[in-house]
Amino acid sequence: MAKPKRFTAKQFTQQLDQVIDSLIEGKHVRPALIQTDVQIRDIAQAFAVNSATLRRWCQEHTALSPRQYLAIYRMGQAKYLLRMGLKPSKVSQRLAFTEHKNFSSVFKRTTNNTPSQFIQNHNNQ
């Protein structure tokens, strides 16, 4: 008999989003934590599983690795904040990136634009 699934895809992504938001928020509440980026092991810990299980769940429910999901989720948040008029450096801080250059490179890799190009394109629309 097959094991029942722990989550539906929608339940998993909703919970994953909440965990990521909570980890980002925790970095603001405890400034000492801002020295480290959001880690996959922290997400796994929030689900009370090891990193391999989290990877399997992510692949099963999102067809992405946890790292890919985290990057896409954060860049979705970044686009929203940039559209709202926040400067890229503030967005980087808000999303708990340890360094602005890390934020910029993840943004470019994910969206094919730098944050500044994204803002310029958004303003021209």
N, C-alpha and C. Protein backbone atom coordinates (compact mmCIF):
# COMPACT_ATOMS: atom_id res chain seq x y z
N MET A 1 0.84 -1.18 0.00
CA MET A 1 0.00 0.00 0.00
C MET A 1 0.89 1.24 0.00
N ALA A 2 0.56 2.19 -0.85
CA ALA A 2 1.37 3.41 -0.98
C ALA A 2 1.18 4.31 0.24
N LYS A 3 2.26 5.00 0.58
CA LYS A 3 2.19 5.97 1.68
C LYS A 3 1.36 7.16 1.24
N PRO A 4 0.53 7.70 2.13
CA PRO A 4 -0.21 8.91 1.75
C PRO A 4 0.75 10.08 1.62
N LYS A 5 0.47 10.96 0.69
CA LYS A 5 1.32 12.14 0.51
C LYS A 5 1.11 13.09 1.67
N ARG A 6 2.19 13.72 2.08
CA ARG A 6 2.11 14.65 3.19
C ARG A 6 1.44 15.96 2.77
N PHE A 7 1.65 16.36 1.53
CA PHE A 7 1.14 17.64 1.03
C PHE A 7 0.58 17.47 -0.37
N THR A 8 -0.33 18.36 -0.71
CA THR A 8 -0.63 18.57 -2.12
C THR A 8 0.41 19.60 -2.59
N ALA A 9 0.54 19.78 -3.89
CA ALA A 9 1.50 20.76 -4.40
C ALA A 9 1.19 22.15 -3.87
N LYS A 10 -0.09 22.51 -3.85
CA LYS A 10 -0.49 23.84 -3.38
C LYS A 10 -0.17 24.01 -1.89
N GLN A 11 -0.47 22.99 -1.09
CA GLN A 11 -0.18 23.07 0.34
C GLN A 11 1.33 23.21 0.57
N PHE A 12 2.09 22.44 -0.18
CA PHE A 12 3.54 22.49 -0.01
C PHE A 12 4.09 23.87 -0.35
N THR A 13 3.69 24.42 -1.50
CA THR A 13 4.24 25.73 -1.88
C THR A 13 3.77 26.82 -0.92
N GLN A 14 2.54 26.73 -0.43
CA GLN A 14 2.08 27.72 0.55
C GLN A 14 2.91 27.65 1.82
N GLN A 15 3.14 26.44 2.30
CA GLN A 15 3.93 26.29 3.52
C GLN A 15 5.38 26.70 3.28
N LEU A 16 5.91 26.35 2.13
CA LEU A 16 7.28 26.72 1.79
C LEU A 16 7.42 28.24 1.74
N ASP A 17 6.46 28.92 1.13
CA ASP A 17 6.48 30.39 1.08
C ASP A 17 6.45 30.98 2.49
N GLN A 18 5.62 30.42 3.37
CA GLN A 18 5.53 30.90 4.75
C GLN A 18 6.85 30.70 5.49
N VAL A 19 7.47 29.55 5.28
CA VAL A 19 8.76 29.28 5.94
C VAL A 19 9.81 30.27 5.45
N ILE A 20 9.88 30.50 4.15
CA ILE A 20 10.86 31.44 3.60
C ILE A 20 10.62 32.84 4.16
N ASP A 21 9.36 33.28 4.16
CA ASP A 21 9.03 34.60 4.72
C ASP A 21 9.45 34.69 6.18
N SER A 22 9.18 33.65 6.92
CA SER A 22 9.52 33.64 8.35
C SER A 22 11.04 33.69 8.56
N LEU A 23 11.79 32.96 7.74
CA LEU A 23 13.25 33.00 7.86
C LEU A 23 13.79 34.38 7.50
N ILE A 24 13.25 34.99 6.46
CA ILE A 24 13.67 36.34 6.07
C ILE A 24 13.35 37.31 7.19
N GLU A 25 12.14 37.23 7.72
CA GLU A 25 11.73 38.13 8.81
C GLU A 25 12.62 37.91 10.04
N GLY A 26 12.95 36.67 10.33
CA GLY A 26 13.81 36.36 11.47
C GLY A 26 15.18 37.01 11.36
N LYS A 27 15.66 37.18 10.15
CA LYS A 27 16.96 37.83 9.95
C LYS A 27 16.88 39.31 10.32
N HIS A 28 15.69 39.91 10.21
CA HIS A 28 15.53 41.31 10.59
C HIS A 28 15.33 41.45 12.10
N VAL A 29 14.67 40.48 12.70
CA VAL A 29 14.41 40.53 14.14
C VAL A 29 15.70 40.27 14.92
N ARG A 30 16.52 39.37 14.40
CA ARG A 30 17.80 39.04 15.06
C ARG A 30 18.94 39.44 14.13
N PRO A 31 19.41 40.69 14.23
CA PRO A 31 20.41 41.20 13.29
C PRO A 31 21.67 40.35 13.17
N ALA A 32 22.03 39.60 14.20
CA ALA A 32 23.22 38.76 14.10
C ALA A 32 23.05 37.71 13.00
N LEU A 33 21.82 37.33 12.69
CA LEU A 33 21.56 36.32 11.67
C LEU A 33 21.72 36.87 10.26
N ILE A 34 21.71 38.18 10.09
CA ILE A 34 21.79 38.76 8.76
C ILE A 34 23.15 38.47 8.11
N GLN A 35 24.11 38.04 8.93
CA GLN A 35 25.44 37.72 8.40
C GLN A 35 25.42 36.47 7.52
N THR A 36 24.34 35.69 7.62
CA THR A 36 24.22 34.50 6.78
C THR A 36 22.96 34.61 5.94
N ASP A 37 23.05 34.11 4.73
CA ASP A 37 21.91 34.12 3.83
C ASP A 37 20.91 33.06 4.28
N VAL A 38 19.71 33.08 3.72
CA VAL A 38 18.73 32.04 4.00
C VAL A 38 19.30 30.73 3.47
N GLN A 39 19.37 29.73 4.32
CA GLN A 39 19.98 28.46 3.98
C GLN A 39 18.93 27.38 3.75
N ILE A 40 19.20 26.47 2.83
CA ILE A 40 18.30 25.36 2.56
C ILE A 40 18.15 24.50 3.81
N ARG A 41 19.20 24.32 4.56
CA ARG A 41 19.10 23.50 5.78
C ARG A 41 18.15 24.13 6.79
N ASP A 42 18.07 25.47 6.81
CA ASP A 42 17.12 26.14 7.71
C ASP A 42 15.68 25.87 7.27
N ILE A 43 15.46 25.85 5.97
CA ILE A 43 14.12 25.55 5.45
C ILE A 43 13.76 24.11 5.80
N ALA A 44 14.71 23.18 5.58
CA ALA A 44 14.47 21.77 5.90
C ALA A 44 14.16 21.62 7.39
N GLN A 45 14.92 22.32 8.21
CA GLN A 45 14.71 22.26 9.65
C GLN A 45 13.30 22.72 10.03
N ALA A 46 12.81 23.75 9.37
CA ALA A 46 11.46 24.26 9.64
C ALA A 46 10.39 23.21 9.29
N PHE A 47 10.69 22.36 8.32
CA PHE A 47 9.78 21.28 7.95
C PHE A 47 10.04 20.02 8.79
N ALA A 48 11.05 20.06 9.64
CA ALA A 48 11.45 18.92 10.48
C ALA A 48 11.87 17.71 9.63
N VAL A 49 12.61 18.00 8.57
CA VAL A 49 13.15 16.94 7.70
C VAL A 49 14.60 17.28 7.37
N ASN A 50 15.31 16.33 6.76
CA ASN A 50 16.67 16.64 6.33
C ASN A 50 16.64 17.28 4.94
N SER A 51 17.77 17.78 4.51
CA SER A 51 17.85 18.50 3.23
C SER A 51 17.49 17.61 2.05
N ALA A 52 17.84 16.33 2.13
CA ALA A 52 17.52 15.41 1.03
C ALA A 52 16.01 15.24 0.86
N THR A 53 15.30 15.14 1.97
CA THR A 53 13.84 15.02 1.91
C THR A 53 13.23 16.30 1.36
N LEU A 54 13.73 17.45 1.80
CA LEU A 54 13.23 18.72 1.26
C LEU A 54 13.47 18.79 -0.24
N ARG A 55 14.65 18.37 -0.69
CA ARG A 55 14.95 18.36 -2.13
C ARG A 55 13.95 17.48 -2.88
N ARG A 56 13.67 16.30 -2.33
CA ARG A 56 12.73 15.38 -2.97
C ARG A 56 11.34 15.99 -3.04
N TRP A 57 10.88 16.59 -1.94
CA TRP A 57 9.56 17.23 -1.92
C TRP A 57 9.49 18.38 -2.92
N CYS A 58 10.54 19.20 -2.94
CA CYS A 58 10.56 20.33 -3.88
C CYS A 58 10.47 19.83 -5.31
N GLN A 59 11.26 18.83 -5.61
CA GLN A 59 11.26 18.27 -6.97
C GLN A 59 9.88 17.71 -7.31
N GLU A 60 9.30 17.00 -6.36
CA GLU A 60 8.00 16.37 -6.57
C GLU A 60 6.87 17.40 -6.75
N HIS A 61 6.87 18.44 -5.94
CA HIS A 61 5.76 19.39 -5.92
C HIS A 61 5.95 20.64 -6.78
N THR A 62 7.21 20.97 -7.10
CA THR A 62 7.45 22.20 -7.87
C THR A 62 8.30 21.97 -9.12
N ALA A 63 8.90 20.79 -9.24
CA ALA A 63 9.82 20.47 -10.33
C ALA A 63 11.07 21.36 -10.30
N LEU A 64 11.39 21.89 -9.11
CA LEU A 64 12.57 22.73 -8.91
C LEU A 64 13.36 22.22 -7.72
N SER A 65 14.63 22.58 -7.67
CA SER A 65 15.41 22.30 -6.47
C SER A 65 15.02 23.35 -5.41
N PRO A 66 15.29 23.09 -4.15
CA PRO A 66 15.00 24.10 -3.13
C PRO A 66 15.69 25.43 -3.42
N ARG A 67 16.93 25.38 -3.88
CA ARG A 67 17.68 26.60 -4.18
C ARG A 67 17.02 27.38 -5.32
N GLN A 68 16.59 26.68 -6.36
CA GLN A 68 15.90 27.34 -7.47
C GLN A 68 14.59 27.96 -7.00
N TYR A 69 13.84 27.22 -6.20
CA TYR A 69 12.56 27.74 -5.70
C TYR A 69 12.80 28.99 -4.86
N LEU A 70 13.78 28.92 -3.97
CA LEU A 70 14.10 30.06 -3.10
C LEU A 70 14.46 31.29 -3.94
N ALA A 71 15.30 31.10 -4.95
CA ALA A 71 15.71 32.23 -5.81
C ALA A 71 14.51 32.81 -6.55
N ILE A 72 13.68 31.96 -7.12
CA ILE A 72 12.52 32.45 -7.87
C ILE A 72 11.54 33.15 -6.94
N TYR A 73 11.32 32.59 -5.76
CA TYR A 73 10.40 33.21 -4.81
C TYR A 73 10.91 34.60 -4.39
N ARG A 74 12.18 34.66 -4.02
CA ARG A 74 12.74 35.94 -3.59
C ARG A 74 12.74 36.97 -4.71
N MET A 75 12.98 36.53 -5.95
CA MET A 75 12.99 37.48 -7.06
C MET A 75 11.58 37.95 -7.38
N GLY A 76 10.59 37.12 -7.16
CA GLY A 76 9.20 37.58 -7.29
C GLY A 76 8.91 38.69 -6.29
N GLN A 77 9.38 38.50 -5.06
CA GLN A 77 9.22 39.52 -4.02
C GLN A 77 10.01 40.77 -4.40
N ALA A 78 11.21 40.56 -4.93
CA ALA A 78 12.07 41.69 -5.31
C ALA A 78 11.41 42.53 -6.40
N LYS A 79 10.84 41.88 -7.41
CA LYS A 79 10.17 42.61 -8.49
C LYS A 79 9.03 43.46 -7.93
N TYR A 80 8.26 42.88 -7.03
CA TYR A 80 7.15 43.61 -6.42
C TYR A 80 7.68 44.85 -5.69
N LEU A 81 8.72 44.67 -4.87
CA LEU A 81 9.27 45.78 -4.09
C LEU A 81 9.88 46.85 -5.00
N LEU A 82 10.55 46.43 -6.07
CA LEU A 82 11.12 47.39 -7.01
C LEU A 82 10.02 48.18 -7.71
N ARG A 83 8.93 47.50 -8.07
CA ARG A 83 7.80 48.21 -8.69
C ARG A 83 7.18 49.21 -7.72
N MET A 84 7.26 48.92 -6.43
CA MET A 84 6.70 49.81 -5.40
C MET A 84 7.61 51.01 -5.14
N GLY A 85 8.79 51.02 -5.78
CA GLY A 85 9.67 52.18 -5.68
C GLY A 85 10.84 52.03 -4.72
N LEU A 86 11.02 50.86 -4.12
CA LEU A 86 12.17 50.67 -3.25
C LEU A 86 13.44 50.59 -4.08
N LYS A 87 14.52 51.12 -3.53
CA LYS A 87 15.81 51.05 -4.21
C LYS A 87 16.35 49.63 -4.10
N PRO A 88 17.15 49.20 -5.10
CA PRO A 88 17.69 47.84 -5.07
C PRO A 88 18.44 47.51 -3.77
N SER A 89 19.17 48.46 -3.21
CA SER A 89 19.90 48.17 -1.97
C SER A 89 18.94 47.88 -0.82
N LYS A 90 17.81 48.59 -0.78
CA LYS A 90 16.80 48.35 0.26
C LYS A 90 16.09 47.01 0.05
N VAL A 91 15.84 46.68 -1.21
CA VAL A 91 15.22 45.39 -1.53
C VAL A 91 16.14 44.26 -1.09
N SER A 92 17.42 44.42 -1.38
CA SER A 92 18.41 43.43 -0.98
C SER A 92 18.38 43.20 0.53
N GLN A 93 18.34 44.29 1.29
CA GLN A 93 18.27 44.19 2.75
C GLN A 93 16.96 43.56 3.18
N ARG A 94 15.86 43.99 2.60
CA ARG A 94 14.53 43.51 2.98
C ARG A 94 14.42 42.00 2.77
N LEU A 95 15.08 41.49 1.73
CA LEU A 95 15.00 40.07 1.42
C LEU A 95 16.14 39.27 2.04
N ALA A 96 16.88 39.91 2.96
CA ALA A 96 17.91 39.26 3.77
C ALA A 96 19.06 38.67 2.97
N PHE A 97 19.49 39.39 1.93
CA PHE A 97 20.71 39.00 1.24
C PHE A 97 21.88 39.54 2.04
N THR A 98 22.94 38.76 2.18
CA THR A 98 24.07 39.20 2.98
C THR A 98 24.81 40.35 2.31
N GLU A 99 24.81 40.37 0.98
CA GLU A 99 25.48 41.44 0.24
C GLU A 99 24.64 41.84 -0.96
N HIS A 100 24.67 43.12 -1.28
CA HIS A 100 23.90 43.62 -2.42
C HIS A 100 24.33 42.95 -3.72
N LYS A 101 25.63 42.68 -3.86
CA LYS A 101 26.10 42.05 -5.11
C LYS A 101 25.51 40.65 -5.28
N ASN A 102 25.29 39.93 -4.16
CA ASN A 102 24.64 38.62 -4.25
C ASN A 102 23.22 38.77 -4.78
N PHE A 103 22.50 39.76 -4.25
CA PHE A 103 21.14 40.03 -4.71
C PHE A 103 21.15 40.34 -6.20
N SER A 104 22.04 41.24 -6.62
CA SER A 104 22.09 41.65 -8.03
C SER A 104 22.38 40.47 -8.95
N SER A 105 23.30 39.60 -8.55
CA SER A 105 23.64 38.48 -9.43
C SER A 105 22.50 37.45 -9.49
N VAL A 106 21.83 37.19 -8.37
CA VAL A 106 20.68 36.28 -8.39
C VAL A 106 19.55 36.89 -9.22
N PHE A 107 19.33 38.19 -9.06
CA PHE A 107 18.28 38.87 -9.82
C PHE A 107 18.56 38.75 -11.32
N LYS A 108 19.80 39.03 -11.72
CA LYS A 108 20.16 38.97 -13.15
C LYS A 108 20.04 37.54 -13.67
N ARG A 109 20.51 36.58 -12.89
CA ARG A 109 20.45 35.18 -13.32
C ARG A 109 18.99 34.71 -13.47
N THR A 110 18.12 35.20 -12.60
CA THR A 110 16.72 34.76 -12.60
C THR A 110 15.86 35.50 -13.61
N THR A 111 16.12 36.79 -13.80
CA THR A 111 15.24 37.62 -14.64
C THR A 111 15.88 38.07 -15.96
N ASN A 112 17.17 37.83 -16.13
CA ASN A 112 17.92 38.29 -17.30
C ASN A 112 18.04 39.81 -17.37
N ASN A 113 17.81 40.48 -16.26
CA ASN A 113 18.00 41.93 -16.15
C ASN A 113 18.66 42.23 -14.81
N THR A 114 19.41 43.32 -14.77
CA THR A 114 19.88 43.80 -13.47
C THR A 114 18.69 44.48 -12.79
N PRO A 115 18.74 44.69 -11.48
CA PRO A 115 17.66 45.43 -10.83
C PRO A 115 17.43 46.80 -11.47
N SER A 116 18.51 47.49 -11.81
CA SER A 116 18.38 48.82 -12.44
C SER A 116 17.69 48.74 -13.80
N GLN A 117 18.05 47.74 -14.59
CA GLN A 117 17.39 47.55 -15.89
C GLN A 117 15.91 47.25 -15.70
N PHE A 118 15.60 46.43 -14.70
CA PHE A 118 14.20 46.10 -14.42
C PHE A 118 13.41 47.36 -14.08
N ILE A 119 13.99 48.20 -13.23
CA ILE A 119 13.31 49.45 -12.84
C ILE A 119 13.11 50.33 -14.07
N GLN A 120 14.16 50.46 -14.88
CA GLN A 120 14.07 51.29 -16.08
C GLN A 120 12.99 50.75 -17.03
N ASN A 121 12.97 49.44 -17.24
CA ASN A 121 11.96 48.84 -18.12
C ASN A 121 10.56 49.05 -17.55
N HIS A 122 10.42 48.92 -16.24
CA HIS A 122 9.12 49.11 -15.59
C HIS A 122 8.65 50.55 -15.72
N ASN A 123 9.58 51.49 -15.56
CA ASN A 123 9.23 52.91 -15.66
C ASN A 123 8.87 53.33 -17.08
N ASN A 124 9.40 52.62 -18.08
CA ASN A 124 9.12 52.94 -19.48
C ASN A 124 7.80 52.36 -19.97
N GLN A 125 7.17 51.56 -19.17
CA GLN A 125 5.90 50.94 -19.60
C GLN A 125 4.72 51.81 -19.30
